N, C-alpha and C. Protein backbone atom coordinates (compact mmCIF):
# COMPACT_ATOMS: atom_id res chain seq x y z
N UNK A 1 -15.33 -33.11 -5.03
CA UNK A 1 -14.06 -32.71 -5.43
C UNK A 1 -13.25 -31.25 -4.89
N UNK A 2 -14.04 -30.53 -4.26
CA UNK A 2 -13.76 -29.66 -2.88
C UNK A 2 -13.11 -29.76 -2.08
N UNK A 3 -13.13 -31.00 -1.35
CA UNK A 3 -11.98 -31.42 0.12
C UNK A 3 -11.40 -32.20 -0.55
N UNK A 4 -11.07 -32.77 -1.81
CA UNK A 4 -9.87 -33.52 -2.12
C UNK A 4 -8.53 -32.04 -2.40
N UNK A 5 -9.36 -31.04 -3.14
CA UNK A 5 -8.83 -29.81 -3.55
C UNK A 5 -8.06 -29.04 -2.61
N UNK A 6 -9.05 -28.74 -1.19
CA UNK A 6 -8.40 -28.20 -0.42
C UNK A 6 -7.55 -29.08 0.35
N UNK A 7 -7.44 -30.49 0.16
CA UNK A 7 -6.72 -31.14 1.50
C UNK A 7 -5.58 -31.26 0.57
N UNK A 8 -5.17 -31.32 -0.97
CA UNK A 8 -3.91 -31.09 -1.62
C UNK A 8 -3.54 -29.64 -0.92
N UNK A 9 -4.12 -28.39 -1.27
CA UNK A 9 -3.52 -27.26 -0.89
C UNK A 9 -3.00 -27.37 0.34
N UNK A 10 -3.71 -27.57 0.94
CA UNK A 10 -3.18 -27.47 2.71
C UNK A 10 -2.10 -28.35 2.75
N UNK A 11 -1.57 -29.52 1.93
CA UNK A 11 -0.36 -30.65 2.04
C UNK A 11 0.57 -29.49 1.76
N UNK A 12 0.04 -28.54 0.45
CA UNK A 12 1.86 -27.70 -0.46
C UNK A 12 1.89 -26.91 0.69
N UNK A 13 1.49 -26.12 1.69
CA UNK A 13 1.89 -24.97 2.37
C UNK A 13 1.66 -23.56 2.10
N UNK A 14 1.57 -23.75 0.51
CA UNK A 14 1.54 -22.46 -0.05
C UNK A 14 0.60 -22.22 -1.81
N UNK A 15 -0.62 -21.25 -1.88
CA UNK A 15 -1.49 -22.04 -3.00
C UNK A 15 -0.91 -20.31 -3.78
N UNK A 16 -0.14 -20.30 -4.94
CA UNK A 16 0.15 -19.64 -5.59
C UNK A 16 -0.93 -19.39 -7.05
N UNK A 17 -1.59 -18.18 -7.41
CA UNK A 17 -2.48 -18.78 -8.23
C UNK A 17 -3.53 -17.16 -8.93
N UNK A 18 -4.08 -17.24 -10.22
CA UNK A 18 -4.68 -16.55 -10.17
C UNK A 18 -6.26 -16.49 -9.52
N UNK A 19 -7.09 -15.31 -9.86
CA UNK A 19 -8.76 -15.16 -9.29
C UNK A 19 -9.12 -16.84 -10.38
N UNK A 20 -9.63 -17.80 -8.92
CA UNK A 20 -10.17 -19.13 -9.45
C UNK A 20 -10.63 -19.84 -8.52
N UNK A 21 -11.78 -20.49 -9.04
CA UNK A 21 -12.27 -21.16 -8.14
C UNK A 21 -11.18 -22.14 -6.73
N UNK A 22 -10.37 -22.69 -7.13
CA UNK A 22 -9.39 -23.21 -6.34
C UNK A 22 -9.09 -21.83 -5.37
N UNK A 23 -8.14 -20.57 -5.78
CA UNK A 23 -7.95 -20.01 -5.12
C UNK A 23 -8.85 -19.70 -3.70
N UNK A 24 -9.88 -18.86 -3.87
CA UNK A 24 -10.98 -18.96 -3.06
C UNK A 24 -10.87 -20.26 -2.35
N UNK A 25 -10.87 -21.80 -2.89
CA UNK A 25 -10.75 -22.61 -1.55
C UNK A 25 -9.47 -22.23 -0.75
N UNK A 26 -7.95 -22.38 -1.71
CA UNK A 26 -6.86 -22.39 -0.57
C UNK A 26 -7.27 -20.75 0.42
N UNK A 27 -7.91 -19.71 0.46
CA UNK A 27 -8.02 -18.67 1.14
C UNK A 27 -8.87 -18.94 2.31
N UNK A 28 -10.34 -19.74 1.47
CA UNK A 28 -11.25 -19.91 2.44
C UNK A 28 -10.77 -20.88 3.67
N UNK A 29 -9.94 -22.18 3.38
CA UNK A 29 -9.21 -23.08 4.19
C UNK A 29 -8.20 -22.35 5.15
N UNK A 30 -7.36 -21.41 4.36
CA UNK A 30 -6.57 -20.56 5.64
C UNK A 30 -5.54 -21.00 5.51
N UNK A 31 -5.01 -21.59 3.99
CA UNK A 31 -3.65 -21.69 3.33
C UNK A 31 -3.11 -20.23 2.98
N UNK A 32 -2.03 -20.59 3.37
CA UNK A 32 -1.24 -19.15 2.53
C UNK A 32 -1.44 -18.84 1.27
N UNK A 33 -1.91 -17.72 1.08
CA UNK A 33 -2.22 -17.35 -0.93
C UNK A 33 -1.73 -16.70 -1.30
N UNK A 34 -0.63 -16.52 -2.27
CA UNK A 34 -0.82 -15.21 -3.61
C UNK A 34 -1.18 -15.49 -4.64
N UNK A 35 -1.98 -14.26 -5.17
CA UNK A 35 -2.69 -14.62 -5.89
C UNK A 35 -2.82 -13.04 -6.86
N UNK A 36 -2.71 -13.25 -7.99
CA UNK A 36 -2.67 -12.58 -9.50
C UNK A 36 -4.28 -12.07 -9.74
N UNK A 37 -4.23 -10.91 -9.81
CA UNK A 37 -5.90 -10.48 -10.37
C UNK A 37 -5.34 -9.43 -11.16
N UNK A 38 -6.14 -8.94 -12.20
CA UNK A 38 -6.62 -7.77 -13.22
C UNK A 38 -6.75 -7.24 -12.37
N UNK A 39 -6.72 -5.74 -13.25
CA UNK A 39 -6.97 -4.48 -12.41
C UNK A 39 -8.97 -4.28 -13.32
N UNK A 40 -9.72 -5.39 -13.71
CA UNK A 40 -10.71 -4.80 -14.34
C UNK A 40 -12.07 -4.71 -13.11
N UNK A 41 -11.50 -5.69 -11.95
CA UNK A 41 -12.52 -5.34 -11.02
C UNK A 41 -11.57 -4.61 -9.92
N UNK A 42 -12.54 -3.96 -8.91
CA UNK A 42 -12.35 -2.73 -8.02
C UNK A 42 -11.63 -3.84 -7.14
N UNK A 43 -10.75 -3.26 -6.17
CA UNK A 43 -9.81 -3.64 -5.38
C UNK A 43 -11.10 -4.31 -4.21
N UNK A 44 -11.10 -5.49 -3.57
CA UNK A 44 -11.62 -6.13 -2.97
C UNK A 44 -13.22 -6.69 -3.27
N UNK A 45 -13.86 -6.25 -4.12
CA UNK A 45 -15.07 -6.47 -4.66
C UNK A 45 -14.80 -8.15 -5.25
N UNK A 46 -13.65 -8.58 -5.60
CA UNK A 46 -13.74 -9.93 -5.95
C UNK A 46 -12.69 -10.77 -5.03
N UNK A 47 -12.58 -10.22 -4.29
CA UNK A 47 -10.95 -11.17 -3.40
C UNK A 47 -11.67 -11.82 -2.45
N UNK A 48 -10.95 -12.84 -2.31
CA UNK A 48 -10.91 -14.35 -1.59
C UNK A 48 -11.39 -13.74 -0.12
N UNK A 49 -11.81 -14.04 0.86
CA UNK A 49 -12.12 -14.02 2.40
C UNK A 49 -10.80 -15.29 2.76
N UNK A 50 -10.65 -14.38 4.06
CA UNK A 50 -9.13 -15.40 4.40
C UNK A 50 -8.30 -13.82 5.38
N UNK A 51 -7.18 -14.11 5.74
CA UNK A 51 -6.22 -13.33 5.87
C UNK A 51 -5.21 -14.03 5.85
N UNK A 52 -4.80 -15.10 5.34
CA UNK A 52 -3.40 -15.68 4.99
C UNK A 52 -3.28 -15.17 3.27
N UNK A 53 -3.45 -13.74 3.08
CA UNK A 53 -3.49 -13.46 1.06
C UNK A 53 -2.61 -12.45 1.57
N UNK A 54 -1.51 -12.58 -0.03
CA UNK A 54 -1.20 -11.88 -0.80
C UNK A 54 -1.55 -11.46 -1.87
N UNK A 55 -2.27 -10.33 -2.25
CA UNK A 55 -2.57 -9.99 -3.56
C UNK A 55 -2.02 -8.95 -4.77
N UNK A 56 -1.54 -9.48 -5.37
CA UNK A 56 -1.03 -8.71 -6.58
C UNK A 56 -1.76 -8.41 -7.76
N UNK A 57 -1.64 -6.92 -8.22
CA UNK A 57 -2.33 -6.61 -9.09
C UNK A 57 -1.57 -4.82 -9.25
N UNK A 58 -1.52 -5.06 -10.36
CA UNK A 58 -1.10 -3.54 -11.75
C UNK A 58 -1.95 -2.68 -11.64
N UNK A 59 -1.88 -1.81 -11.26
CA UNK A 59 -2.91 -0.28 -12.31
C UNK A 59 -2.93 -0.50 -13.44
N UNK A 60 -3.90 -0.96 -13.98
CA UNK A 60 -3.53 -0.45 -16.09
C UNK A 60 -4.98 0.53 -16.03
N UNK A 61 -4.44 1.27 -17.10
CA UNK A 61 -5.41 1.88 -18.02
C UNK A 61 -6.70 1.36 -17.76
N UNK A 62 -6.96 0.30 -17.19
CA UNK A 62 -8.84 -0.30 -17.30
C UNK A 62 -9.35 -0.95 -16.00
N UNK A 63 -8.27 0.11 -15.20
CA UNK A 63 -8.41 0.02 -13.75
C UNK A 63 -9.85 0.00 -13.25
N UNK A 64 -10.81 -0.88 -12.53
CA UNK A 64 -11.42 -0.78 -11.63
C UNK A 64 -12.94 -0.82 -13.29
N UNK A 65 -12.79 -0.89 -14.59
CA UNK A 65 -13.84 -0.92 -15.29
C UNK A 65 -14.80 -2.13 -15.49
N UNK A 66 -14.74 -2.73 -14.82
CA UNK A 66 -15.27 -4.24 -14.70
C UNK A 66 -15.30 -4.93 -16.41
N UNK A 67 -14.47 -4.75 -17.18
CA UNK A 67 -14.44 -5.46 -18.38
C UNK A 67 -14.86 -6.90 -19.06
N UNK A 68 -16.17 -7.44 -19.14
CA UNK A 68 -16.47 -8.26 -19.40
C UNK A 68 -16.18 -9.28 -20.68
N UNK A 69 -16.03 -8.18 -21.58
CA UNK A 69 -15.38 -9.06 -22.60
C UNK A 69 -13.81 -9.30 -22.83
N UNK A 70 -13.34 -9.05 -24.41
CA UNK A 70 -11.63 -8.85 -24.51
C UNK A 70 -11.23 -7.44 -24.03
N UNK A 71 -10.04 -7.55 -23.74
CA UNK A 71 -9.24 -5.84 -22.89
C UNK A 71 -8.93 -5.18 -23.89
N UNK A 72 -9.19 -4.18 -24.15
CA UNK A 72 -8.74 -3.23 -25.08
C UNK A 72 -7.31 -2.20 -25.00
N UNK A 73 -6.80 -3.23 -23.84
CA UNK A 73 -5.40 -3.20 -23.49
C UNK A 73 -4.63 -4.38 -23.59
N UNK A 74 -4.89 -4.99 -24.29
CA UNK A 74 -4.39 -6.81 -24.27
C UNK A 74 -3.65 -7.01 -23.37
N UNK A 75 -4.63 -7.07 -22.20
CA UNK A 75 -4.60 -7.88 -20.63
C UNK A 75 -3.13 -7.13 -19.80
N UNK A 76 -2.81 -6.07 -20.37
CA UNK A 76 -1.51 -5.14 -19.54
C UNK A 76 -1.63 -5.15 -18.13
N UNK A 77 -2.48 -5.58 -17.27
CA UNK A 77 -1.85 -5.03 -15.96
C UNK A 77 -1.35 -7.15 -15.72
N UNK A 78 -2.72 -7.78 -16.21
CA UNK A 78 -1.61 -8.95 -15.72
C UNK A 78 0.12 -9.46 -16.61
N UNK A 79 0.43 -8.62 -17.79
CA UNK A 79 0.61 -8.82 -18.08
C UNK A 79 2.31 -8.03 -17.57
N UNK A 80 1.73 -6.90 -17.11
CA UNK A 80 2.47 -6.23 -16.18
C UNK A 80 3.56 -6.87 -14.62
N UNK A 81 2.55 -8.16 -14.30
CA UNK A 81 2.97 -8.97 -13.15
C UNK A 81 4.28 -10.20 -13.04
N UNK A 82 5.61 -9.56 -13.50
CA UNK A 82 6.50 -10.34 -14.32
C UNK A 82 6.86 -11.47 -12.64
N UNK A 83 7.53 -12.15 -13.57
CA UNK A 83 7.82 -13.61 -13.24
C UNK A 83 8.47 -13.31 -11.54
N UNK A 84 9.76 -11.93 -11.83
CA UNK A 84 10.81 -11.94 -10.45
C UNK A 84 9.55 -11.51 -9.14
N UNK A 85 8.93 -10.72 -9.29
CA UNK A 85 7.59 -9.88 -8.65
C UNK A 85 6.45 -11.42 -8.01
N UNK A 86 6.16 -12.43 -8.73
CA UNK A 86 5.52 -13.18 -8.18
C UNK A 86 6.50 -14.54 -7.86
N UNK A 87 7.57 -14.47 -7.68
CA UNK A 87 8.95 -15.32 -7.63
C UNK A 87 8.72 -14.62 -5.82
N UNK A 88 9.01 -13.10 -5.66
CA UNK A 88 9.28 -12.21 -4.58
C UNK A 88 8.11 -12.68 -3.75
N UNK A 89 7.27 -12.53 -4.04
CA UNK A 89 5.70 -12.56 -3.41
C UNK A 89 6.03 -13.77 -2.84
N UNK A 90 6.19 -15.48 -3.38
CA UNK A 90 6.16 -16.16 -2.83
C UNK A 90 7.29 -16.54 -1.91
N UNK A 91 8.17 -15.94 -1.96
CA UNK A 91 9.34 -15.96 -1.10
C UNK A 91 8.96 -15.08 0.10
N UNK A 92 8.35 -13.92 0.10
CA UNK A 92 8.27 -13.59 1.17
C UNK A 92 7.05 -14.04 2.18
N UNK A 93 6.07 -14.82 1.30
CA UNK A 93 4.57 -15.27 1.79
C UNK A 93 5.34 -16.78 2.57
N UNK A 94 6.33 -17.65 2.09
CA UNK A 94 7.29 -18.80 2.62
C UNK A 94 7.48 -18.07 4.10
N UNK A 95 8.16 -17.08 4.36
CA UNK A 95 8.86 -16.73 5.35
C UNK A 95 7.69 -15.97 6.51
N UNK A 96 6.30 -15.62 6.12
CA UNK A 96 5.68 -14.56 6.55
C UNK A 96 5.17 -15.17 7.62
N UNK A 97 4.73 -14.93 8.95
CA UNK A 97 4.00 -14.89 10.06
C UNK A 97 2.44 -14.37 9.31
N UNK A 98 1.47 -15.14 9.17
CA UNK A 98 0.85 -14.96 8.53
C UNK A 98 -0.36 -14.52 9.75
N UNK A 99 -0.97 -13.40 9.74
CA UNK A 99 -2.26 -12.98 10.69
C UNK A 99 -2.96 -11.67 9.88
N UNK A 100 -2.64 -10.88 8.89
CA UNK A 100 -3.70 -9.84 8.24
C UNK A 100 -3.35 -9.78 6.64
N UNK A 101 -4.36 -9.68 5.95
CA UNK A 101 -4.23 -10.19 4.71
C UNK A 101 -3.35 -8.75 4.17
N UNK A 102 -2.60 -8.84 3.07
CA UNK A 102 -1.80 -7.75 2.14
C UNK A 102 -1.90 -7.62 0.75
N UNK A 103 -1.72 -6.59 0.64
CA UNK A 103 -1.69 -6.90 -1.29
C UNK A 103 -0.53 -5.12 -1.66
N UNK A 104 -0.64 -5.85 -2.97
CA UNK A 104 0.45 -5.17 -3.38
C UNK A 104 0.22 -4.97 -4.46
N UNK A 105 0.31 -3.33 -4.86
CA UNK A 105 -0.26 -2.47 -6.14
C UNK A 105 0.47 -2.37 -6.94
N UNK A 106 1.38 -2.65 -7.59
CA UNK A 106 2.69 -2.48 -8.14
C UNK A 106 2.47 -1.76 -9.28
């Protein structure tokens, strides 16, 4: 199914999503990718490979803790990335001339 997933992603023109297997496939295929990351991992540790990336993450009290269980801050980092921020990032990504990765720490 990875081939079919990549084919579908490439036809869409942009992959917005969260840290996941399909997100890594999108990035590896060169598709423009907007991805939301939690604060628990260090920046760059689990980021996808590729240049057509826009990473959205919020610094929260658990920044870089590598939490494996439930978050003591009730996922504040993910809840802090609002719809307007994601919508603006997707709009920017659709207009962008992709050639280097970018990150937004909100």
